C-alpha cells in the first residue's frame, strides 16, 4: 500500500519541478528591452572605474582573466 503512494508522490514532485523549471524561460520583446537597459538594472554603478580597475590588474599583475586586454607586468601600456 505504501509503494503506490510513494510512486504517486514522486511523480507529482517531478511534475512540479518540471513546471517550475519551464516557467523560468521568458521571451523579451524588442519594445520591452528598453526597461532592461536602464542604468539602474546594472550591477556596475561606475563603468569607467571598473574598466580602470580591470586595466590596472591586467597591466600590474599580468593576470587579466581572459578579457582580451594586452598587458605585461611592467604597467607601461
PDB file of N, CA and C in Angstrom:
ATOM      1  N   UNK A   1       0.818  -1.201   0.000  1.00  0.00           N
ATOM      2  CA  UNK A   1       0.000   0.000   0.000  1.00  0.00           C
ATOM      3  C   UNK A   1       0.864   1.269   0.000  1.00  0.00           C
ATOM      4  N   UNK A   2       1.997   1.186   0.625  1.00  0.00           N
ATOM      5  CA  UNK A   2       2.866   2.355   0.705  1.00  0.00           C
ATOM      6  C   UNK A   2       3.561   2.616  -0.630  1.00  0.00           C
ATOM      7  N   UNK A   3       3.938   1.575  -1.354  1.00  0.00           N
ATOM      8  CA  UNK A   3       4.648   1.723  -2.618  1.00  0.00           C
ATOM      9  C   UNK A   3       3.893   2.564  -3.642  1.00  0.00           C
ATOM     10  N   UNK A   4       2.621   2.312  -3.916  1.00  0.00           N
ATOM     11  CA  UNK A   4       1.906   3.148  -4.894  1.00  0.00           C
ATOM     12  C   UNK A   4       1.821   4.610  -4.471  1.00  0.00           C
ATOM     13  N   UNK A   5       1.693   4.848  -3.186  1.00  0.00           N
ATOM     14  CA  UNK A   5       1.625   6.232  -2.712  1.00  0.00           C
ATOM     15  C   UNK A   5       2.957   6.946  -2.942  1.00  0.00           C
ATOM     16  N   UNK A   6       4.060   6.241  -2.704  1.00  0.00           N
ATOM     17  CA  UNK A   6       5.387   6.834  -2.908  1.00  0.00           C
ATOM     18  C   UNK A   6       5.604   7.127  -4.392  1.00  0.00           C
ATOM     19  N   UNK A   7       5.196   6.229  -5.258  1.00  0.00           N
ATOM     20  CA  UNK A   7       5.326   6.465  -6.703  1.00  0.00           C
ATOM     21  C   UNK A   7       4.485   7.664  -7.133  1.00  0.00           C
ATOM     22  N   UNK A   8       3.286   7.729  -6.618  1.00  0.00           N
ATOM     23  CA  UNK A   8       2.398   8.844  -6.939  1.00  0.00           C
ATOM     24  C   UNK A   8       2.994  10.165  -6.471  1.00  0.00           C
ATOM     25  N   UNK A   9       3.510  10.176  -5.258  1.00  0.00           N
ATOM     26  CA  UNK A   9       4.123  11.386  -4.700  1.00  0.00           C
ATOM     27  C   UNK A   9       5.375  11.773  -5.484  1.00  0.00           C
ATOM     28  N   UNK A  10       6.155  10.789  -5.898  1.00  0.00           N
ATOM     29  CA  UNK A  10       7.353  11.065  -6.682  1.00  0.00           C
ATOM     30  C   UNK A  10       6.988  11.678  -8.034  1.00  0.00           C
ATOM     31  N   UNK A  11       5.971  11.130  -8.669  1.00  0.00           N
ATOM     32  CA  UNK A  11       5.542  11.676  -9.960  1.00  0.00           C
ATOM     33  C   UNK A  11       5.026  13.103  -9.820  1.00  0.00           C
ATOM     34  N   UNK A  12       4.316  13.374  -8.775  1.00  0.00           N
ATOM     35  CA  UNK A  12       3.811  14.732  -8.557  1.00  0.00           C
ATOM     36  C   UNK A  12       4.976  15.698  -8.319  1.00  0.00           C
ATOM     37  N   UNK A  13       5.960  15.272  -7.546  1.00  0.00           N
ATOM     38  CA  UNK A  13       7.122  16.137  -7.296  1.00  0.00           C
ATOM     39  C   UNK A  13       7.894  16.407  -8.581  1.00  0.00           C
ATOM     40  N   UNK A  14       8.067  15.390  -9.404  1.00  0.00           N
ATOM     41  CA  UNK A  14       8.771  15.572 -10.676  1.00  0.00           C
ATOM     42  C   UNK A  14       8.002  16.531 -11.584  1.00  0.00           C
ATOM     43  N   UNK A  15       6.701  16.376 -11.636  1.00  0.00           N
ATOM     44  CA  UNK A  15       5.882  17.285 -12.456  1.00  0.00           C
ATOM     45  C   UNK A  15       5.977  18.722 -11.954  1.00  0.00           C
ATOM     46  N   UNK A  16       5.957  18.914 -10.658  1.00  0.00           N
ATOM     47  CA  UNK A  16       6.072  20.267 -10.104  1.00  0.00           C
ATOM     48  C   UNK A  16       7.420  20.892 -10.421  1.00  0.00           C
ATOM     49  N   UNK A  17       8.484  20.102 -10.337  1.00  0.00           N
ATOM     50  CA  UNK A  17       9.818  20.616 -10.660  1.00  0.00           C
ATOM     51  C   UNK A  17       9.893  20.992 -12.141  1.00  0.00           C
ATOM     52  N   UNK A  18       9.350  20.160 -13.014  1.00  0.00           N
ATOM     53  CA  UNK A  18       9.381  20.465 -14.446  1.00  0.00           C
ATOM     54  C   UNK A  18       8.575  21.705 -14.790  1.00  0.00           C
ATOM     55  N   UNK A  19       7.421  21.854 -14.179  1.00  0.00           N
ATOM     56  CA  UNK A  19       6.590  23.035 -14.443  1.00  0.00           C
ATOM     57  C   UNK A  19       7.287  24.292 -13.934  1.00  0.00           C
ATOM     58  N   UNK A  20       7.901  24.196 -12.779  1.00  0.00           N
ATOM     59  CA  UNK A  20       8.621  25.347 -12.230  1.00  0.00           C
ATOM     60  C   UNK A  20       9.823  25.716 -13.100  1.00  0.00           C
ATOM     61  N   UNK A  21      10.565  24.725 -13.559  1.00  0.00           N
ATOM     62  CA  UNK A  21      11.738  24.990 -14.401  1.00  0.00           C
ATOM     63  C   UNK A  21      11.334  25.561 -15.758  1.00  0.00           C
ATOM     64  N   UNK A  22      10.238  25.090 -16.305  1.00  0.00           N
ATOM     65  CA  UNK A  22       9.805  25.564 -17.622  1.00  0.00           C
ATOM     66  C   UNK A  22       9.252  26.983 -17.566  1.00  0.00           C
ATOM     67  N   UNK A  23       8.768  27.399 -16.434  1.00  0.00           N
ATOM     68  CA  UNK A  23       8.182  28.735 -16.361  1.00  0.00           C
ATOM     69  C   UNK A  23       9.233  29.830 -16.214  1.00  0.00           C
ATOM     70  N   UNK A  24      10.499  29.476 -16.061  1.00  0.00           N
ATOM     71  CA  UNK A  24      11.554  30.473 -15.912  1.00  0.00           C
ATOM     72  C   UNK A  24      12.010  31.075 -17.223  1.00  0.00           C
ATOM     73  N   UNK A  25      11.651  30.488 -18.329  1.00  0.00           N
ATOM     74  CA  UNK A  25      12.070  30.983 -19.639  1.00  0.00           C
ATOM     75  C   UNK A  25      11.056  32.006 -20.144  1.00  0.00           C
ATOM     76  N   UNK A  26      11.554  33.192 -20.433  1.00  0.00           N
ATOM     77  CA  UNK A  26      10.669  34.259 -20.880  1.00  0.00           C
ATOM     78  C   UNK A  26      11.286  34.908 -22.107  1.00  0.00           C
ATOM     79  N   UNK A  27      10.479  35.181 -23.087  1.00  0.00           N
ATOM     80  CA  UNK A  27      10.931  35.931 -24.256  1.00  0.00           C
ATOM     81  C   UNK A  27      10.636  37.406 -24.015  1.00  0.00           C
ATOM     82  N   UNK A  28      11.654  38.224 -24.220  1.00  0.00           N
ATOM     83  CA  UNK A  28      11.503  39.660 -24.037  1.00  0.00           C
ATOM     84  C   UNK A  28      11.401  40.287 -25.418  1.00  0.00           C
ATOM     85  N   UNK A  29      10.323  40.977 -25.671  1.00  0.00           N
ATOM     86  CA  UNK A  29      10.117  41.623 -26.966  1.00  0.00           C
ATOM     87  C   UNK A  29      10.978  42.880 -27.074  1.00  0.00           C
ATOM     88  N   UNK A  30      11.166  43.326 -28.291  1.00  0.00           N
ATOM     89  CA  UNK A  30      12.051  44.460 -28.544  1.00  0.00           C
ATOM     90  C   UNK A  30      11.585  45.720 -27.826  1.00  0.00           C
ATOM     91  N   UNK A  31      10.284  45.966 -27.776  1.00  0.00           N
ATOM     92  CA  UNK A  31       9.813  47.189 -27.133  1.00  0.00           C
ATOM     93  C   UNK A  31       9.870  47.097 -25.608  1.00  0.00           C
ATOM     94  N   UNK A  32      10.103  45.903 -25.053  1.00  0.00           N
ATOM     95  CA  UNK A  32      10.225  45.747 -23.603  1.00  0.00           C
ATOM     96  C   UNK A  32      11.678  45.829 -23.140  1.00  0.00           C
ATOM     97  N   UNK A  33      12.616  45.769 -24.047  1.00  0.00           N
ATOM     98  CA  UNK A  33      14.032  45.742 -23.683  1.00  0.00           C
ATOM     99  C   UNK A  33      14.537  47.085 -23.181  1.00  0.00           C
ATOM    100  N   UNK A  34      13.848  48.158 -23.488  1.00  0.00           N
ATOM    101  CA  UNK A  34      14.304  49.465 -23.035  1.00  0.00           C
ATOM    102  C   UNK A  34      14.302  49.549 -21.511  1.00  0.00           C
ATOM    103  N   UNK A  35      13.378  48.857 -20.867  1.00  0.00           N
ATOM    104  CA  UNK A  35      13.344  48.871 -19.404  1.00  0.00           C
ATOM    105  C   UNK A  35      14.493  48.082 -18.804  1.00  0.00           C
ATOM    106  N   UNK A  36      14.968  47.055 -19.509  1.00  0.00           N
ATOM    107  CA  UNK A  36      16.073  46.249 -19.004  1.00  0.00           C
ATOM    108  C   UNK A  36      17.424  46.908 -19.251  1.00  0.00           C
ATOM    109  N   UNK A  37      17.488  47.886 -20.145  1.00  0.00           N
ATOM    110  CA  UNK A  37      18.753  48.520 -20.473  1.00  0.00           C
ATOM    111  C   UNK A  37      19.023  49.766 -19.632  1.00  0.00           C
ATOM    112  N   UNK A  38      18.192  50.051 -18.675  1.00  0.00           N
ATOM    113  CA  UNK A  38      18.399  51.237 -17.852  1.00  0.00           C
ATOM    114  C   UNK A  38      19.590  51.057 -16.914  1.00  0.00           C
ATOM    115  N   UNK A  39      20.167  52.148 -16.510  1.00  0.00           N
ATOM    116  CA  UNK A  39      21.348  52.129 -15.651  1.00  0.00           C
ATOM    117  C   UNK A  39      21.063  51.489 -14.297  1.00  0.00           C
ATOM    118  N   UNK A  40      19.845  51.604 -13.820  1.00  0.00           N
ATOM    119  CA  UNK A  40      19.500  51.024 -12.525  1.00  0.00           C
ATOM    120  C   UNK A  40      19.512  49.500 -12.555  1.00  0.00           C
ATOM    121  N   UNK A  41      19.476  48.913 -13.737  1.00  0.00           N
ATOM    122  CA  UNK A  41      19.456  47.453 -13.852  1.00  0.00           C
ATOM    123  C   UNK A  41      20.851  46.850 -13.887  1.00  0.00           C
ATOM    124  N   UNK A  42      21.909  47.653 -13.861  1.00  0.00           N
ATOM    125  CA  UNK A  42      23.268  47.124 -13.910  1.00  0.00           C
ATOM    126  C   UNK A  42      23.847  47.029 -12.511  1.00  0.00           C
ATOM    127  N   UNK A  43      24.767  46.103 -12.351  1.00  0.00           N
ATOM    128  CA  UNK A  43      25.453  45.961 -11.066  1.00  0.00           C
ATOM    129  C   UNK A  43      26.549  47.008 -10.910  1.00  0.00           C
ATOM    130  N   UNK A  44      27.097  47.438 -12.024  1.00  0.00           N
ATOM    131  CA  UNK A  44      28.227  48.349 -12.004  1.00  0.00           C
ATOM    132  C   UNK A  44      27.733  49.791 -12.056  1.00  0.00           C
ATOM    133  N   UNK A  45      27.880  50.512 -10.986  1.00  0.00           N
ATOM    134  CA  UNK A  45      27.416  51.901 -10.938  1.00  0.00           C
ATOM    135  C   UNK A  45      28.363  52.853 -11.665  1.00  0.00           C
ATOM    136  N   UNK A  46      29.647  52.525 -11.727  1.00  0.00           N
ATOM    137  CA  UNK A  46      30.615  53.387 -12.379  1.00  0.00           C
ATOM    138  C   UNK A  46      31.444  52.560 -13.357  1.00  0.00           C
ATOM    139  N   UNK A  47      30.996  52.451 -14.617  1.00  0.00           N
ATOM    140  CA  UNK A  47      31.707  51.585 -15.558  1.00  0.00           C
ATOM    141  C   UNK A  47      33.127  52.063 -15.852  1.00  0.00           C
ATOM    142  N   UNK A  48      33.378  53.350 -15.806  1.00  0.00           N
ATOM    143  CA  UNK A  48      34.731  53.850 -16.041  1.00  0.00           C
ATOM    144  C   UNK A  48      35.700  53.385 -14.973  1.00  0.00           C
ATOM    145  N   UNK A  49      35.261  53.398 -13.733  1.00  0.00           N
ATOM    146  CA  UNK A  49      36.108  52.940 -12.631  1.00  0.00           C
ATOM    147  C   UNK A  49      36.368  51.439 -12.729  1.00  0.00           C
ATOM    148  N   UNK A  50      35.377  50.689 -13.143  1.00  0.00           N
ATOM    149  CA  UNK A  50      35.551  49.240 -13.297  1.00  0.00           C
ATOM    150  C   UNK A  50      36.534  48.936 -14.423  1.00  0.00           C
ATOM    151  N   UNK A  51      36.443  49.683 -15.528  1.00  0.00           N
ATOM    152  CA  UNK A  51      37.386  49.489 -16.634  1.00  0.00           C
ATOM    153  C   UNK A  51      38.796  49.819 -16.200  1.00  0.00           C
ATOM    154  N   UNK A  52      38.957  50.905 -15.426  1.00  0.00           N
ATOM    155  CA  UNK A  52      40.284  51.278 -14.952  1.00  0.00           C
ATOM    156  C   UNK A  52      40.850  50.208 -14.025  1.00  0.00           C
ATOM    157  N   UNK A  53      40.025  49.687 -13.133  1.00  0.00           N
ATOM    158  CA  UNK A  53      40.486  48.630 -12.226  1.00  0.00           C
ATOM    159  C   UNK A  53      40.893  47.379 -12.977  1.00  0.00           C
ATOM    160  N   UNK A  54      40.161  47.045 -14.028  1.00  0.00           N
ATOM    161  CA  UNK A  54      40.492  45.885 -14.838  1.00  0.00           C
ATOM    162  C   UNK A  54      41.814  46.110 -15.563  1.00  0.00           C
ATOM    163  N   UNK A  55      41.995  47.292 -16.107  1.00  0.00           N
ATOM    164  CA  UNK A  55      43.252  47.607 -16.794  1.00  0.00           C
ATOM    165  C   UNK A  55      44.417  47.582 -15.811  1.00  0.00           C
ATOM    166  N   UNK A  56      44.197  48.121 -14.642  1.00  0.00           N
ATOM    167  CA  UNK A  56      45.260  48.152 -13.629  1.00  0.00           C
ATOM    168  C   UNK A  56      45.682  46.744 -13.235  1.00  0.00           C
ATOM    169  N   UNK A  57      44.712  45.873 -12.981  1.00  0.00           N
ATOM    170  CA  UNK A  57      45.050  44.496 -12.608  1.00  0.00           C
ATOM    171  C   UNK A  57      45.759  43.777 -13.750  1.00  0.00           C
ATOM    172  N   UNK A  58      45.305  44.021 -14.977  1.00  0.00           N
ATOM    173  CA  UNK A  58      45.915  43.354 -16.121  1.00  0.00           C
ATOM    174  C   UNK A  58      47.333  43.804 -16.383  1.00  0.00           C
ATOM    175  N   UNK A  59      47.605  45.065 -16.195  1.00  0.00           N
ATOM    176  CA  UNK A  59      48.939  45.555 -16.506  1.00  0.00           C
ATOM    177  C   UNK A  59      49.915  45.378 -15.352  1.00  0.00           C
ATOM    178  N   UNK A  60      49.459  45.461 -14.134  1.00  0.00           N
ATOM    179  CA  UNK A  60      50.366  45.320 -12.988  1.00  0.00           C
ATOM    180  C   UNK A  60      50.671  43.859 -12.668  1.00  0.00           C
ATOM    181  N   UNK A  61      49.657  43.035 -12.668  1.00  0.00           N
ATOM    182  CA  UNK A  61      49.855  41.655 -12.253  1.00  0.00           C
ATOM    183  C   UNK A  61      50.104  40.718 -13.420  1.00  0.00           C
ATOM    184  N   UNK A  62      49.679  41.110 -14.602  1.00  0.00           N
ATOM    185  CA  UNK A  62      49.765  40.208 -15.733  1.00  0.00           C
ATOM    186  C   UNK A  62      48.713  39.108 -15.639  1.00  0.00           C
ATOM    187  N   UNK A  63      47.730  39.281 -14.762  1.00  0.00           N
ATOM    188  CA  UNK A  63      46.683  38.273 -14.564  1.00  0.00           C
ATOM    189  C   UNK A  63      45.355  38.903 -14.945  1.00  0.00           C
ATOM    190  N   UNK A  64      45.099  38.960 -16.229  1.00  0.00           N
ATOM    191  CA  UNK A  64      43.935  39.691 -16.710  1.00  0.00           C
ATOM    192  C   UNK A  64      42.650  38.906 -16.580  1.00  0.00           C
ATOM    193  N   UNK A  65      42.657  37.638 -16.869  1.00  0.00           N
ATOM    194  CA  UNK A  65      41.438  36.855 -16.745  1.00  0.00           C
ATOM    195  C   UNK A  65      40.711  36.617 -18.050  1.00  0.00           C
ATOM    196  N   UNK A  66      41.359  36.792 -19.186  1.00  0.00           N
ATOM    197  CA  UNK A  66      40.763  36.449 -20.466  1.00  0.00           C
ATOM    198  C   UNK A  66      39.823  37.484 -21.041  1.00  0.00           C
ATOM    199  N   UNK A  67      40.015  38.751 -20.737  1.00  0.00           N
ATOM    200  CA  UNK A  67      39.153  39.776 -21.298  1.00  0.00           C
ATOM    201  C   UNK A  67      39.694  40.336 -22.598  1.00  0.00           C
ATOM    202  N   UNK A  68      40.864  39.891 -23.024  1.00  0.00           N
ATOM    203  CA  UNK A  68      41.400  40.322 -24.306  1.00  0.00           C
ATOM    204  C   UNK A  68      42.224  41.587 -24.233  1.00  0.00           C
ATOM    205  N   UNK A  69      42.536  42.037 -23.070  1.00  0.00           N
ATOM    206  CA  UNK A  69      43.332  43.255 -22.907  1.00  0.00           C
ATOM    207  C   UNK A  69      44.814  42.882 -22.908  1.00  0.00           C
ATOM    208  N   UNK A  70      45.635  43.532 -23.757  1.00  0.00           N
ATOM    209  CA  UNK A  70      47.061  43.192 -23.749  1.00  0.00           C
ATOM    210  C   UNK A  70      47.726  43.746 -22.505  1.00  0.00           C
ATOM    211  N   UNK A  71      48.741  43.093 -22.075  1.00  0.00           N
ATOM    212  CA  UNK A  71      49.451  43.614 -20.928  1.00  0.00           C
ATOM    213  C   UNK A  71      50.565  42.697 -20.489  1.00  0.00           C
ATOM    214  N   UNK A  72      51.533  43.294 -19.865  1.00  0.00           N
ATOM    215  CA  UNK A  72      52.631  42.536 -19.291  1.00  0.00           C
ATOM    216  C   UNK A  72      52.603  42.748 -17.798  1.00  0.00           C
ATOM    217  N   UNK A  73      53.758  42.840 -17.194  1.00  0.00           N
ATOM    218  CA  UNK A  73      53.819  43.068 -15.770  1.00  0.00           C
ATOM    219  C   UNK A  73      54.420  44.411 -15.417  1.00  0.00           C
ATOM    220  N   UNK A  74      54.795  45.199 -16.447  1.00  0.00           N
ATOM    221  CA  UNK A  74      55.527  46.425 -16.184  1.00  0.00           C
ATOM    222  C   UNK A  74      54.600  47.638 -15.986  1.00  0.00           C
ATOM    223  N   UNK A  75      53.393  47.594 -16.454  1.00  0.00           N
ATOM    224  CA  UNK A  75      52.477  48.715 -16.303  1.00  0.00           C
ATOM    225  C   UNK A  75      52.713  49.826 -17.306  1.00  0.00           C
ATOM    226  N   UNK A  76      53.397  49.535 -18.409  1.00  0.00           N
ATOM    227  CA  UNK A  76      53.750  50.575 -19.367  1.00  0.00           C
ATOM    228  C   UNK A  76      52.805  50.665 -20.557  1.00  0.00           C
ATOM    229  N   UNK A  77      51.705  49.964 -20.566  1.00  0.00           N
ATOM    230  CA  UNK A  77      50.827  50.037 -21.743  1.00  0.00           C
ATOM    231  C   UNK A  77      49.602  50.802 -21.456  1.00  0.00           C
TER     232      UNK A  77
END
